[in-house]
PDB file of N, CA and C in Angstrom:
ATOM      1  N   PHE A   1      -9.853   1.579 -21.165  1.00  0.00           N
ATOM      2  CA  PHE A   1      -9.461   1.690 -22.556  1.00  0.00           C
ATOM      3  C   PHE A   1      -9.747   0.378 -23.244  1.00  0.00           C
ATOM      4  N   GLY A   2     -10.338   0.447 -24.422  1.00  0.00           N
ATOM      5  CA  GLY A   2     -10.657  -0.753 -25.166  1.00  0.00           C
ATOM      6  C   GLY A   2      -9.461  -1.286 -25.936  1.00  0.00           C
ATOM      7  N   VAL A   3      -9.055  -2.510 -25.628  1.00  0.00           N
ATOM      8  CA  VAL A   3      -8.008  -3.193 -26.380  1.00  0.00           C
ATOM      9  C   VAL A   3      -8.623  -3.868 -27.595  1.00  0.00           C
ATOM     10  N   SER A   4      -9.825  -4.396 -27.408  1.00  0.00           N
ATOM     11  CA  SER A   4     -10.629  -4.984 -28.477  1.00  0.00           C
ATOM     12  C   SER A   4     -12.089  -4.765 -28.101  1.00  0.00           C
ATOM     13  N   ASP A   5     -12.999  -5.336 -28.880  1.00  0.00           N
ATOM     14  CA  ASP A   5     -14.419  -5.143 -28.550  1.00  0.00           C
ATOM     15  C   ASP A   5     -14.828  -5.912 -27.290  1.00  0.00           C
ATOM     16  N   LYS A   6     -13.978  -6.843 -26.804  1.00  0.00           N
ATOM     17  CA  LYS A   6     -14.324  -7.623 -25.617  1.00  0.00           C
ATOM     18  C   LYS A   6     -13.355  -7.443 -24.447  1.00  0.00           C
ATOM     19  N   ILE A   7     -12.225  -6.768 -24.644  1.00  0.00           N
ATOM     20  CA  ILE A   7     -11.220  -6.624 -23.589  1.00  0.00           C
ATOM     21  C   ILE A   7     -10.964  -5.144 -23.306  1.00  0.00           C
ATOM     22  N   THR A   8     -11.024  -4.780 -22.019  1.00  0.00           N
ATOM     23  CA  THR A   8     -10.701  -3.417 -21.590  1.00  0.00           C
ATOM     24  C   THR A   8      -9.630  -3.482 -20.502  1.00  0.00           C
ATOM     25  N   ILE A   9      -8.792  -2.448 -20.460  1.00  0.00           N
ATOM     26  CA  ILE A   9      -7.771  -2.318 -19.430  1.00  0.00           C
ATOM     27  C   ILE A   9      -7.787  -0.878 -18.937  1.00  0.00           C
ATOM     28  N   GLY A  10      -7.231  -0.647 -17.764  1.00  0.00           N
ATOM     29  CA  GLY A  10      -7.153   0.731 -17.303  1.00  0.00           C
ATOM     30  C   GLY A  10      -6.754   0.873 -15.858  1.00  0.00           C
ATOM     31  N   PRO A  11      -6.360   2.086 -15.494  1.00  0.00           N
ATOM     32  CA  PRO A  11      -5.997   2.377 -14.105  1.00  0.00           C
ATOM     33  C   PRO A  11      -7.247   2.612 -13.263  1.00  0.00           C
ATOM     34  N   ARG A  12      -7.064   2.491 -11.966  1.00  0.00           N
ATOM     35  CA  ARG A  12      -8.154   2.759 -11.027  1.00  0.00           C
ATOM     36  C   ARG A  12      -7.563   3.329  -9.743  1.00  0.00           C
ATOM     37  N   VAL A  13      -8.180   4.368  -9.233  1.00  0.00           N
ATOM     38  CA  VAL A  13      -7.790   4.970  -7.966  1.00  0.00           C
ATOM     39  C   VAL A  13      -9.036   5.008  -7.093  1.00  0.00           C
ATOM     40  N   SER A  14      -8.888   4.614  -5.830  1.00  0.00           N
ATOM     41  CA  SER A  14     -10.050   4.637  -4.942  1.00  0.00           C
ATOM     42  C   SER A  14      -9.629   5.010  -3.523  1.00  0.00           C
ATOM     43  N   TYR A  15     -10.605   5.462  -2.761  1.00  0.00           N
ATOM     44  CA  TYR A  15     -10.407   5.813  -1.361  1.00  0.00           C
ATOM     45  C   TYR A  15     -11.595   5.295  -0.573  1.00  0.00           C
ATOM     46  N   ARG A  16     -11.319   4.672   0.551  1.00  0.00           N
ATOM     47  CA  ARG A  16     -12.375   4.182   1.435  1.00  0.00           C
ATOM     48  C   ARG A  16     -12.054   4.611   2.860  1.00  0.00           C
ATOM     49  N   ARG A  17     -13.091   4.876   3.616  1.00  0.00           N
ATOM     50  CA  ARG A  17     -12.923   5.195   5.031  1.00  0.00           C
ATOM     51  C   ARG A  17     -13.991   4.447   5.796  1.00  0.00           C
ATOM     52  N   TYR A  18     -13.572   3.776   6.833  1.00  0.00           N
ATOM     53  CA  TYR A  18     -14.472   3.042   7.701  1.00  0.00           C
ATOM     54  C   TYR A  18     -14.431   3.667   9.080  1.00  0.00           C
ATOM     55  N   ASN A  19     -15.587   3.938   9.643  1.00  0.00           N
ATOM     56  CA  ASN A  19     -15.690   4.427  11.017  1.00  0.00           C
ATOM     57  C   ASN A  19     -16.262   3.317  11.877  1.00  0.00           C
ATOM     58  N   TYR A  20     -15.682   3.146  13.041  1.00  0.00           N
ATOM     59  CA  TYR A  20     -16.121   2.117  13.972  1.00  0.00           C
ATOM     60  C   TYR A  20     -16.651   2.789  15.219  1.00  0.00           C
ATOM     61  N   GLY A  21     -17.838   2.434  15.637  1.00  0.00           N
ATOM     62  CA  GLY A  21     -18.414   3.003  16.843  1.00  0.00           C
ATOM     63  C   GLY A  21     -18.452   1.966  17.950  1.00  0.00           C
ATOM     64  N   TYR A  22     -17.983   2.333  19.104  1.00  0.00           N
ATOM     65  CA  TYR A  22     -18.025   1.459  20.262  1.00  0.00           C
ATOM     66  C   TYR A  22     -18.783   2.173  21.364  1.00  0.00           C
ATOM     67  N   TYR A  23     -19.742   1.518  21.939  1.00  0.00           N
ATOM     68  CA  TYR A  23     -20.556   2.120  22.988  1.00  0.00           C
ATOM     69  C   TYR A  23     -19.689   2.460  24.198  1.00  0.00           C
ATOM     70  N   GLY A  24     -19.874   3.654  24.718  1.00  0.00           N
ATOM     71  CA  GLY A  24     -19.161   4.073  25.907  1.00  0.00           C
ATOM     72  C   GLY A  24     -17.797   4.684  25.633  1.00  0.00           C
ATOM     73  N   LEU A  25     -17.354   4.688  24.405  1.00  0.00           N
ATOM     74  CA  LEU A  25     -16.036   5.244  24.078  1.00  0.00           C
ATOM     75  C   LEU A  25     -16.197   6.470  23.197  1.00  0.00           C
ATOM     76  N   THR A  26     -16.955   7.422  23.652  1.00  0.00           N
ATOM     77  CA  THR A  26     -17.248   8.606  22.834  1.00  0.00           C
ATOM     78  C   THR A  26     -16.058   9.523  22.674  1.00  0.00           C
ATOM     79  N   SER A  27     -15.043   9.419  23.525  1.00  0.00           N
ATOM     80  CA  SER A  27     -13.905  10.328  23.424  1.00  0.00           C
ATOM     81  C   SER A  27     -12.861   9.842  22.425  1.00  0.00           C
ATOM     82  N   ARG A  28     -13.064   8.681  21.827  1.00  0.00           N
ATOM     83  CA  ARG A  28     -12.069   8.141  20.908  1.00  0.00           C
ATOM     84  C   ARG A  28     -12.660   7.997  19.514  1.00  0.00           C
ATOM     85  N   ASP A  29     -11.838   8.248  18.527  1.00  0.00           N
ATOM     86  CA  ASP A  29     -12.229   8.118  17.129  1.00  0.00           C
ATOM     87  C   ASP A  29     -11.524   6.899  16.547  1.00  0.00           C
ATOM     88  N   TYR A  30     -12.279   5.874  16.217  1.00  0.00           N
ATOM     89  CA  TYR A  30     -11.730   4.670  15.618  1.00  0.00           C
ATOM     90  C   TYR A  30     -12.098   4.657  14.139  1.00  0.00           C
ATOM     91  N   HIS A  31     -11.077   4.661  13.281  1.00  0.00           N
ATOM     92  CA  HIS A  31     -11.367   4.619  11.852  1.00  0.00           C
ATOM     93  C   HIS A  31     -10.174   4.077  11.075  1.00  0.00           C
ATOM     94  N   SER A  32     -10.446   3.640   9.856  1.00  0.00           N
ATOM     95  CA  SER A  32      -9.420   3.212   8.909  1.00  0.00           C
ATOM     96  C   SER A  32      -9.635   3.984   7.620  1.00  0.00           C
ATOM     97  N   SER A  33      -8.553   4.447   7.032  1.00  0.00           N
ATOM     98  CA  SER A  33      -8.580   5.086   5.716  1.00  0.00           C
ATOM     99  C   SER A  33      -7.716   4.252   4.788  1.00  0.00           C
ATOM    100  N   ILE A  34      -8.232   3.963   3.600  1.00  0.00           N
ATOM    101  CA  ILE A  34      -7.533   3.097   2.654  1.00  0.00           C
ATOM    102  C   ILE A  34      -7.481   3.785   1.301  1.00  0.00           C
ATOM    103  N   PHE A  35      -6.277   3.980   0.801  1.00  0.00           N
ATOM    104  CA  PHE A  35      -6.051   4.562  -0.522  1.00  0.00           C
ATOM    105  C   PHE A  35      -5.490   3.462  -1.413  1.00  0.00           C
ATOM    106  N   ASN A  36      -6.115   3.252  -2.565  1.00  0.00           N
ATOM    107  CA  ASN A  36      -5.699   2.200  -3.503  1.00  0.00           C
ATOM    108  C   ASN A  36      -5.378   2.780  -4.863  1.00  0.00           C
ATOM    109  N   ILE A  37      -4.365   2.230  -5.487  1.00  0.00           N
ATOM    110  CA  ILE A  37      -4.097   2.508  -6.890  1.00  0.00           C
ATOM    111  C   ILE A  37      -3.843   1.154  -7.548  1.00  0.00           C
ATOM    112  N   SER A  38      -4.515   0.919  -8.666  1.00  0.00           N
ATOM    113  CA  SER A  38      -4.406  -0.394  -9.288  1.00  0.00           C
ATOM    114  C   SER A  38      -4.539  -0.282 -10.805  1.00  0.00           C
ATOM    115  N   PHE A  39      -4.283  -1.400 -11.433  1.00  0.00           N
ATOM    116  CA  PHE A  39      -4.463  -1.539 -12.874  1.00  0.00           C
ATOM    117  C   PHE A  39      -5.359  -2.747 -13.074  1.00  0.00           C
ATOM    118  N   ARG A  40      -6.378  -2.610 -13.912  1.00  0.00           N
ATOM    119  CA  ARG A  40      -7.348  -3.681 -14.075  1.00  0.00           C
ATOM    120  C   ARG A  40      -7.514  -4.071 -15.529  1.00  0.00           C
ATOM    121  N   GLY A  41      -7.930  -5.303 -15.725  1.00  0.00           N
ATOM    122  CA  GLY A  41      -8.280  -5.819 -17.040  1.00  0.00           C
ATOM    123  C   GLY A  41      -9.572  -6.587 -16.925  1.00  0.00           C
ATOM    124  N   ASP A  42     -10.468  -6.402 -17.896  1.00  0.00           N
ATOM    125  CA  ASP A  42     -11.768  -7.072 -17.876  1.00  0.00           C
ATOM    126  C   ASP A  42     -12.079  -7.675 -19.232  1.00  0.00           C
ATOM    127  N   TYR A  43     -12.755  -8.817 -19.196  1.00  0.00           N
ATOM    128  CA  TYR A  43     -13.265  -9.461 -20.400  1.00  0.00           C
ATOM    129  C   TYR A  43     -14.774  -9.287 -20.406  1.00  0.00           C
ATOM    130  N   HIS A  44     -15.322  -8.724 -21.477  1.00  0.00           N
ATOM    131  CA  HIS A  44     -16.761  -8.447 -21.599  1.00  0.00           C
ATOM    132  C   HIS A  44     -17.400  -9.590 -22.393  1.00  0.00           C
ATOM    133  N   TYR A  45     -18.120 -10.432 -21.686  1.00  0.00           N
ATOM    134  CA  TYR A  45     -18.639 -11.664 -22.279  1.00  0.00           C
ATOM    135  C   TYR A  45     -20.123 -11.630 -22.605  1.00  0.00           C
ATOM    136  N   GLY A  46     -20.806 -10.548 -22.385  1.00  0.00           N
ATOM    137  CA  GLY A  46     -22.246 -10.474 -22.638  1.00  0.00           C
ATOM    138  C   GLY A  46     -22.617 -10.721 -24.088  1.00  0.00           C
ATOM    139  N   ALA A  47     -21.737 -10.365 -25.017  1.00  0.00           N
ATOM    140  CA  ALA A  47     -22.031 -10.569 -26.447  1.00  0.00           C
ATOM    141  C   ALA A  47     -22.090 -12.044 -26.813  1.00  0.00           C
ATOM    142  N   HIS A  48     -21.561 -12.920 -25.977  1.00  0.00           N
ATOM    143  CA  HIS A  48     -21.596 -14.365 -26.230  1.00  0.00           C
ATOM    144  C   HIS A  48     -22.970 -14.962 -25.921  1.00  0.00           C
ATOM    145  N   ILE A  49     -23.836 -14.174 -25.299  1.00  0.00           N
ATOM    146  CA  ILE A  49     -25.173 -14.657 -24.930  1.00  0.00           C
ATOM    147  C   ILE A  49     -26.186 -13.870 -25.767  1.00  0.00           C
ATOM    148  N   PRO A  50     -26.627 -14.430 -26.902  1.00  0.00           N
ATOM    149  CA  PRO A  50     -27.473 -13.669 -27.835  1.00  0.00           C
ATOM    150  C   PRO A  50     -28.811 -13.210 -27.259  1.00  0.00           C
ATOM    151  N   ALA A  51     -29.315 -13.864 -26.239  1.00  0.00           N
ATOM    152  CA  ALA A  51     -30.620 -13.501 -25.689  1.00  0.00           C
ATOM    153  C   ALA A  51     -30.568 -12.216 -24.852  1.00  0.00           C
ATOM    154  N   LEU A  52     -29.382 -11.725 -24.513  1.00  0.00           N
ATOM    155  CA  LEU A  52     -29.266 -10.520 -23.683  1.00  0.00           C
ATOM    156  C   LEU A  52     -29.477  -9.264 -24.522  1.00  0.00           C
ATOM    157  N   PRO A  53     -30.091  -8.247 -23.945  1.00  0.00           N
ATOM    158  CA  PRO A  53     -30.260  -6.984 -24.677  1.00  0.00           C
ATOM    159  C   PRO A  53     -28.913  -6.281 -24.877  1.00  0.00           C
ATOM    160  N   ASP A  54     -28.817  -5.469 -25.915  1.00  0.00           N
ATOM    161  CA  ASP A  54     -27.580  -4.751 -26.234  1.00  0.00           C
ATOM    162  C   ASP A  54     -27.165  -3.779 -25.138  1.00  0.00           C
ATOM    163  N   GLN A  55     -28.117  -3.292 -24.359  1.00  0.00           N
ATOM    164  CA  GLN A  55     -27.804  -2.319 -23.301  1.00  0.00           C
ATOM    165  C   GLN A  55     -27.061  -2.942 -22.112  1.00  0.00           C
ATOM    166  N   LEU A  56     -27.066  -4.269 -22.009  1.00  0.00           N
ATOM    167  CA  LEU A  56     -26.465  -4.956 -20.865  1.00  0.00           C
ATOM    168  C   LEU A  56     -25.035  -5.371 -21.185  1.00  0.00           C
ATOM    169  N   ASP A  57     -24.102  -4.970 -20.338  1.00  0.00           N
ATOM    170  CA  ASP A  57     -22.688  -5.316 -20.472  1.00  0.00           C
ATOM    171  C   ASP A  57     -22.293  -6.151 -19.264  1.00  0.00           C
ATOM    172  N   LEU A  58     -21.935  -7.410 -19.480  1.00  0.00           N
ATOM    173  CA  LEU A  58     -21.461  -8.297 -18.419  1.00  0.00           C
ATOM    174  C   LEU A  58     -19.955  -8.450 -18.560  1.00  0.00           C
ATOM    175  N   TYR A  59     -19.219  -8.432 -17.442  1.00  0.00           N
ATOM    176  CA  TYR A  59     -17.770  -8.516 -17.531  1.00  0.00           C
ATOM    177  C   TYR A  59     -17.182  -9.160 -16.285  1.00  0.00           C
ATOM    178  N   GLY A  60     -15.951  -9.592 -16.401  1.00  0.00           N
ATOM    179  CA  GLY A  60     -15.195 -10.126 -15.279  1.00  0.00           C
ATOM    180  C   GLY A  60     -13.722  -9.907 -15.532  1.00  0.00           C
ATOM    181  N   GLY A  61     -12.933  -9.843 -14.469  1.00  0.00           N
ATOM    182  CA  GLY A  61     -11.511  -9.607 -14.664  1.00  0.00           C
ATOM    183  C   GLY A  61     -10.702  -9.618 -13.388  1.00  0.00           C
ATOM    184  N   LEU A  62      -9.482  -9.104 -13.510  1.00  0.00           N
ATOM    185  CA  LEU A  62      -8.519  -9.040 -12.416  1.00  0.00           C
ATOM    186  C   LEU A  62      -8.029  -7.615 -12.218  1.00  0.00           C
ATOM    187  N   SER A  63      -7.698  -7.285 -10.970  1.00  0.00           N
ATOM    188  CA  SER A  63      -7.041  -6.016 -10.643  1.00  0.00           C
ATOM    189  C   SER A  63      -5.798  -6.325  -9.822  1.00  0.00           C
ATOM    190  N   LEU A  64      -4.708  -5.656 -10.146  1.00  0.00           N
ATOM    191  CA  LEU A  64      -3.478  -5.751  -9.385  1.00  0.00           C
ATOM    192  C   LEU A  64      -3.136  -4.349  -8.919  1.00  0.00           C
ATOM    193  N   GLY A  65      -2.899  -4.190  -7.622  1.00  0.00           N
ATOM    194  CA  GLY A  65      -2.661  -2.838  -7.130  1.00  0.00           C
ATOM    195  C   GLY A  65      -1.878  -2.784  -5.845  1.00  0.00           C
ATOM    196  N   TYR A  66      -1.790  -1.573  -5.324  1.00  0.00           N
ATOM    197  CA  TYR A  66      -1.100  -1.310  -4.066  1.00  0.00           C
ATOM    198  C   TYR A  66      -2.032  -0.483  -3.197  1.00  0.00           C
ATOM    199  N   SER A  67      -2.095  -0.838  -1.926  1.00  0.00           N
ATOM    200  CA  SER A  67      -2.965  -0.084  -1.024  1.00  0.00           C
ATOM    201  C   SER A  67      -2.176   0.431   0.162  1.00  0.00           C
ATOM    202  N   VAL A  68      -2.560   1.623   0.613  1.00  0.00           N
ATOM    203  CA  VAL A  68      -1.966   2.259   1.787  1.00  0.00           C
ATOM    204  C   VAL A  68      -3.063   2.429   2.819  1.00  0.00           C
ATOM    205  N   TRP A  69      -2.882   1.799   3.992  1.00  0.00           N
ATOM    206  CA  TRP A  69      -3.857   1.857   5.074  1.00  0.00           C
ATOM    207  C   TRP A  69      -3.388   2.824   6.139  1.00  0.00           C
ATOM    208  N   SER A  70      -4.306   3.553   6.695  1.00  0.00           N
ATOM    209  CA  SER A  70      -4.034   4.416   7.842  1.00  0.00           C
ATOM    210  C   SER A  70      -5.098   4.118   8.886  1.00  0.00           C
ATOM    211  N   ASP A  71      -4.675   3.540  10.001  1.00  0.00           N
ATOM    212  CA  ASP A  71      -5.602   3.183  11.081  1.00  0.00           C
ATOM    213  C   ASP A  71      -5.376   4.081  12.273  1.00  0.00           C
ATOM    214  N   LYS A  72      -6.457   4.431  12.944  1.00  0.00           N
ATOM    215  CA  LYS A  72      -6.344   5.173  14.198  1.00  0.00           C
ATOM    216  C   LYS A  72      -7.004   4.321  15.282  1.00  0.00           C
ATOM    217  N   TYR A  73      -6.182   3.635  16.034  1.00  0.00           N
ATOM    218  CA  TYR A  73      -6.616   2.774  17.132  1.00  0.00           C
ATOM    219  C   TYR A  73      -5.668   2.985  18.296  1.00  0.00           C
ATOM    220  N   ASP A  74      -5.941   2.281  19.382  1.00  0.00           N
ATOM    221  CA  ASP A  74      -4.961   2.232  20.465  1.00  0.00           C
ATOM    222  C   ASP A  74      -3.760   1.399  20.046  1.00  0.00           C
ATOM    223  N   TRP A  75      -3.962   0.475  19.126  1.00  0.00           N
ATOM    224  CA  TRP A  75      -2.891  -0.329  18.548  1.00  0.00           C
ATOM    225  C   TRP A  75      -2.869  -0.056  17.050  1.00  0.00           C
ATOM    226  N   TYR A  76      -1.737  -0.263  16.445  1.00  0.00           N
ATOM    227  CA  TYR A  76      -1.604   0.015  15.015  1.00  0.00           C
ATOM    228  C   TYR A  76      -0.906  -1.160  14.356  1.00  0.00           C
ATOM    229  N   LYS A  77      -1.472  -1.613  13.263  1.00  0.00           N
ATOM    230  CA  LYS A  77      -0.871  -2.690  12.488  1.00  0.00           C
ATOM    231  C   LYS A  77      -0.878  -2.259  11.032  1.00  0.00           C
ATOM    232  N   SER A  78       0.274  -2.206  10.416  1.00  0.00           N
ATOM    233  CA  SER A  78       0.373  -1.784   9.027  1.00  0.00           C
ATOM    234  C   SER A  78      -0.153  -2.879   8.109  1.00  0.00           C
ATOM    235  N   ARG A  79      -0.975  -2.488   7.157  1.00  0.00           N
ATOM    236  CA  ARG A  79      -1.514  -3.423   6.176  1.00  0.00           C
ATOM    237  C   ARG A  79      -1.243  -2.926   4.767  1.00  0.00           C
ATOM    238  N   ASP A  80      -0.243  -2.076   4.586  1.00  0.00           N
ATOM    239  CA  ASP A  80       0.121  -1.609   3.256  1.00  0.00           C
ATOM    240  C   ASP A  80       0.620  -2.792   2.437  1.00  0.00           C
ATOM    241  N   GLY A  81       0.423  -2.713   1.140  1.00  0.00           N
ATOM    242  CA  GLY A  81       1.010  -3.743   0.302  1.00  0.00           C
ATOM    243  C   GLY A  81       0.257  -3.990  -0.980  1.00  0.00           C
ATOM    244  N   LEU A  82       0.797  -4.940  -1.753  1.00  0.00           N
ATOM    245  CA  LEU A  82       0.206  -5.350  -3.015  1.00  0.00           C
ATOM    246  C   LEU A  82      -1.050  -6.172  -2.782  1.00  0.00           C
ATOM    247  N   TYR A  83      -1.970  -6.113  -3.735  1.00  0.00           N
ATOM    248  CA  TYR A  83      -3.156  -6.955  -3.660  1.00  0.00           C
ATOM    249  C   TYR A  83      -3.590  -7.373  -5.059  1.00  0.00           C
ATOM    250  N   LEU A  84      -4.274  -8.497  -5.110  1.00  0.00           N
ATOM    251  CA  LEU A  84      -4.853  -9.026  -6.333  1.00  0.00           C
ATOM    252  C   LEU A  84      -6.323  -9.282  -6.071  1.00  0.00           C
ATOM    253  N   THR A  85      -7.171  -8.802  -6.939  1.00  0.00           N
ATOM    254  CA  THR A  85      -8.611  -8.903  -6.748  1.00  0.00           C
ATOM    255  C   THR A  85      -9.270  -9.441  -8.015  1.00  0.00           C
ATOM    256  N   LEU A  86     -10.244 -10.317  -7.844  1.00  0.00           N
ATOM    257  CA  LEU A  86     -11.116 -10.761  -8.932  1.00  0.00           C
ATOM    258  C   LEU A  86     -12.379  -9.929  -8.883  1.00  0.00           C
ATOM    259  N   GLN A  87     -12.884  -9.504 -10.040  1.00  0.00           N
ATOM    260  CA  GLN A  87     -14.131  -8.758 -10.059  1.00  0.00           C
ATOM    261  C   GLN A  87     -15.048  -9.284 -11.161  1.00  0.00           C
ATOM    262  N   ALA A  88     -16.342  -9.131 -10.932  1.00  0.00           N
ATOM    263  CA  ALA A  88     -17.371  -9.462 -11.923  1.00  0.00           C
ATOM    264  C   ALA A  88     -18.462  -8.414 -11.795  1.00  0.00           C
ATOM    265  N   GLY A  89     -18.991  -7.992 -12.935  1.00  0.00           N
ATOM    266  CA  GLY A  89     -19.988  -6.940 -12.865  1.00  0.00           C
ATOM    267  C   GLY A  89     -20.956  -6.932 -14.027  1.00  0.00           C
ATOM    268  N   ALA A  90     -21.934  -6.079 -13.878  1.00  0.00           N
ATOM    269  CA  ALA A  90     -22.949  -5.857 -14.902  1.00  0.00           C
ATOM    270  C   ALA A  90     -23.202  -4.360 -14.997  1.00  0.00           C
ATOM    271  N   ARG A  91     -23.394  -3.910 -16.218  1.00  0.00           N
ATOM    272  CA  ARG A  91     -23.632  -2.489 -16.466  1.00  0.00           C
ATOM    273  C   ARG A  91     -24.811  -2.387 -17.441  1.00  0.00           C
ATOM    274  N   TRP A  92     -25.766  -1.532 -17.109  1.00  0.00           N
ATOM    275  CA  TRP A  92     -26.928  -1.295 -17.967  1.00  0.00           C
ATOM    276  C   TRP A  92     -26.844   0.129 -18.495  1.00  0.00           C
ATOM    277  N   TYR A  93     -26.659   0.267 -19.817  1.00  0.00           N
ATOM    278  CA  TYR A  93     -26.591   1.594 -20.435  1.00  0.00           C
ATOM    279  C   TYR A  93     -27.995   2.074 -20.762  1.00  0.00           C
ATOM    280  N   PHE A  94     -28.403   3.168 -20.122  1.00  0.00           N
ATOM    281  CA  PHE A  94     -29.731   3.707 -20.378  1.00  0.00           C
ATOM    282  C   PHE A  94     -29.716   4.764 -21.464  1.00  0.00           C
ATOM    283  N   ASN A  95     -28.541   5.150 -21.986  1.00  0.00           N
ATOM    284  CA  ASN A  95     -28.410   5.915 -23.231  1.00  0.00           C
ATOM    285  C   ASN A  95     -27.034   5.598 -23.814  1.00  0.00           C
ATOM    286  N   ASN A  96     -26.580   6.325 -24.824  1.00  0.00           N
ATOM    287  CA  ASN A  96     -25.320   5.984 -25.483  1.00  0.00           C
ATOM    288  C   ASN A  96     -24.097   6.123 -24.585  1.00  0.00           C
ATOM    289  N   ASN A  97     -24.147   6.977 -23.587  1.00  0.00           N
ATOM    290  CA  ASN A  97     -22.970   7.233 -22.765  1.00  0.00           C
ATOM    291  C   ASN A  97     -23.087   6.806 -21.304  1.00  0.00           C
ATOM    292  N   TRP A  98     -24.245   6.900 -20.714  1.00  0.00           N
ATOM    293  CA  TRP A  98     -24.410   6.673 -19.278  1.00  0.00           C
ATOM    294  C   TRP A  98     -25.006   5.301 -18.965  1.00  0.00           C
ATOM    295  N   GLY A  99     -24.479   4.699 -17.890  1.00  0.00           N
ATOM    296  CA  GLY A  99     -25.008   3.420 -17.453  1.00  0.00           C
ATOM    297  C   GLY A  99     -24.928   3.285 -15.946  1.00  0.00           C
ATOM    298  N   ALA A 100     -25.764   2.421 -15.401  1.00  0.00           N
ATOM    299  CA  ALA A 100     -25.729   2.063 -13.985  1.00  0.00           C
ATOM    300  C   ALA A 100     -24.993   0.737 -13.878  1.00  0.00           C
ATOM    301  N   ASN A 101     -24.125   0.611 -12.863  1.00  0.00           N
ATOM    302  CA  ASN A 101     -23.369  -0.628 -12.751  1.00  0.00           C
ATOM    303  C   ASN A 101     -23.354  -1.155 -11.327  1.00  0.00           C
ATOM    304  N   ALA A 102     -23.144  -2.466 -11.241  1.00  0.00           N
ATOM    305  CA  ALA A 102     -22.941  -3.158  -9.970  1.00  0.00           C
ATOM    306  C   ALA A 102     -21.787  -4.126 -10.184  1.00  0.00           C
ATOM    307  N   GLU A 103     -20.889  -4.184  -9.190  1.00  0.00           N
ATOM    308  CA  GLU A 103     -19.701  -5.025  -9.318  1.00  0.00           C
ATOM    309  C   GLU A 103     -19.400  -5.673  -7.989  1.00  0.00           C
ATOM    310  N   VAL A 104     -19.113  -6.972  -8.007  1.00  0.00           N
ATOM    311  CA  VAL A 104     -18.664  -7.685  -6.817  1.00  0.00           C
ATOM    312  C   VAL A 104     -17.192  -8.012  -6.994  1.00  0.00           C
ATOM    313  N   SER A 105     -16.467  -8.020  -5.880  1.00  0.00           N
ATOM    314  CA  SER A 105     -15.045  -8.334  -5.942  1.00  0.00           C
ATOM    315  C   SER A 105     -14.673  -9.252  -4.788  1.00  0.00           C
ATOM    316  N   THR A 106     -13.597 -10.004  -4.993  1.00  0.00           N
ATOM    317  CA  THR A 106     -13.072 -10.899  -3.966  1.00  0.00           C
ATOM    318  C   THR A 106     -11.601 -10.576  -3.757  1.00  0.00           C
ATOM    319  N   GLY A 107     -11.035 -11.139  -2.747  1.00  0.00           N
ATOM    320  CA  GLY A 107      -9.622 -10.890  -2.468  1.00  0.00           C
ATOM    321  C   GLY A 107      -9.484  -9.924  -1.317  1.00  0.00           C
ATOM    322  N   SER A 108      -8.535  -8.994  -1.445  1.00  0.00           N
ATOM    323  CA  SER A 108      -8.254  -8.049  -0.358  1.00  0.00           C
ATOM    324  C   SER A 108      -9.433  -7.138  -0.059  1.00  0.00           C
ATOM    325  N   PHE A 109     -10.249  -6.824  -1.067  1.00  0.00           N
ATOM    326  CA  PHE A 109     -11.355  -5.887  -0.876  1.00  0.00           C
ATOM    327  C   PHE A 109     -12.654  -6.519  -1.346  1.00  0.00           C
ATOM    328  N   THR A 110     -13.122  -7.521  -0.615  1.00  0.00           N
ATOM    329  CA  THR A 110     -14.369  -8.189  -0.941  1.00  0.00           C
ATOM    330  C   THR A 110     -15.523  -7.224  -0.697  1.00  0.00           C
ATOM    331  N   GLY A 111     -16.441  -7.171  -1.658  1.00  0.00           N
ATOM    332  CA  GLY A 111     -17.583  -6.295  -1.451  1.00  0.00           C
ATOM    333  C   GLY A 111     -18.365  -6.058  -2.721  1.00  0.00           C
ATOM    334  N   LEU A 112     -19.353  -5.193  -2.605  1.00  0.00           N
ATOM    335  CA  LEU A 112     -20.235  -4.813  -3.697  1.00  0.00           C
ATOM    336  C   LEU A 112     -20.118  -3.318  -3.918  1.00  0.00           C
ATOM    337  N   GLU A 113     -19.929  -2.936  -5.159  1.00  0.00           N
ATOM    338  CA  GLU A 113     -19.924  -1.517  -5.534  1.00  0.00           C
ATOM    339  C   GLU A 113     -21.107  -1.267  -6.446  1.00  0.00           C
ATOM    340  N   ILE A 114     -21.778  -0.151  -6.232  1.00  0.00           N
ATOM    341  CA  ILE A 114     -22.893   0.267  -7.073  1.00  0.00           C
ATOM    342  C   ILE A 114     -22.601   1.691  -7.508  1.00  0.00           C
ATOM    343  N   GLY A 115     -22.789   1.978  -8.787  1.00  0.00           N
ATOM    344  CA  GLY A 115     -22.480   3.327  -9.236  1.00  0.00           C
ATOM    345  C   GLY A 115     -22.915   3.621 -10.654  1.00  0.00           C
ATOM    346  N   LEU A 116     -22.370   4.693 -11.187  1.00  0.00           N
ATOM    347  CA  LEU A 116     -22.640   5.133 -12.555  1.00  0.00           C
ATOM    348  C   LEU A 116     -21.376   4.996 -13.386  1.00  0.00           C
ATOM    349  N   SER A 117     -21.559   4.739 -14.672  1.00  0.00           N
ATOM    350  CA  SER A 117     -20.450   4.631 -15.619  1.00  0.00           C
ATOM    351  C   SER A 117     -20.676   5.598 -16.759  1.00  0.00           C
ATOM    352  N   TYR A 118     -19.592   6.121 -17.280  1.00  0.00           N
ATOM    353  CA  TYR A 118     -19.659   6.994 -18.448  1.00  0.00           C
ATOM    354  C   TYR A 118     -18.773   6.401 -19.532  1.00  0.00           C
ATOM    355  N   ARG A 119     -19.323   6.256 -20.731  1.00  0.00           N
ATOM    356  CA  ARG A 119     -18.594   5.708 -21.868  1.00  0.00           C
ATOM    357  C   ARG A 119     -18.282   6.842 -22.825  1.00  0.00           C
ATOM    358  N   PHE A 120     -16.990   7.036 -23.142  1.00  0.00           N
ATOM    359  CA  PHE A 120     -16.551   8.094 -24.059  1.00  0.00           C
ATOM    360  C   PHE A 120     -16.748   7.699 -25.495  1.00  0.00           C
TER     361      PHE A 120
END
């Protein structure tokens, strides 16, 4: 949701599953399932750089959320809890509503996300 032309906020829900394969252990299923719910805020700073095309949206921000982990191992360690994540991303709108995006994040869920965005 747009708070201003440069600030957006909103909820986020995500699910991740990791499968681990170990040679010789075909009878066991090792995996982690992670369900996250968070609230995020982003500052869109691309307009501060006049040389960038209008289709490019650059942003950075914070997410605060709660994650629930479910592990299936011979041992179990709970990792449920609050998390804080920094994110930075770029989005290229190829028409008025649709864009391709890439986002990197740090903190509890370090990684790269690649996907599509829809602007209402």
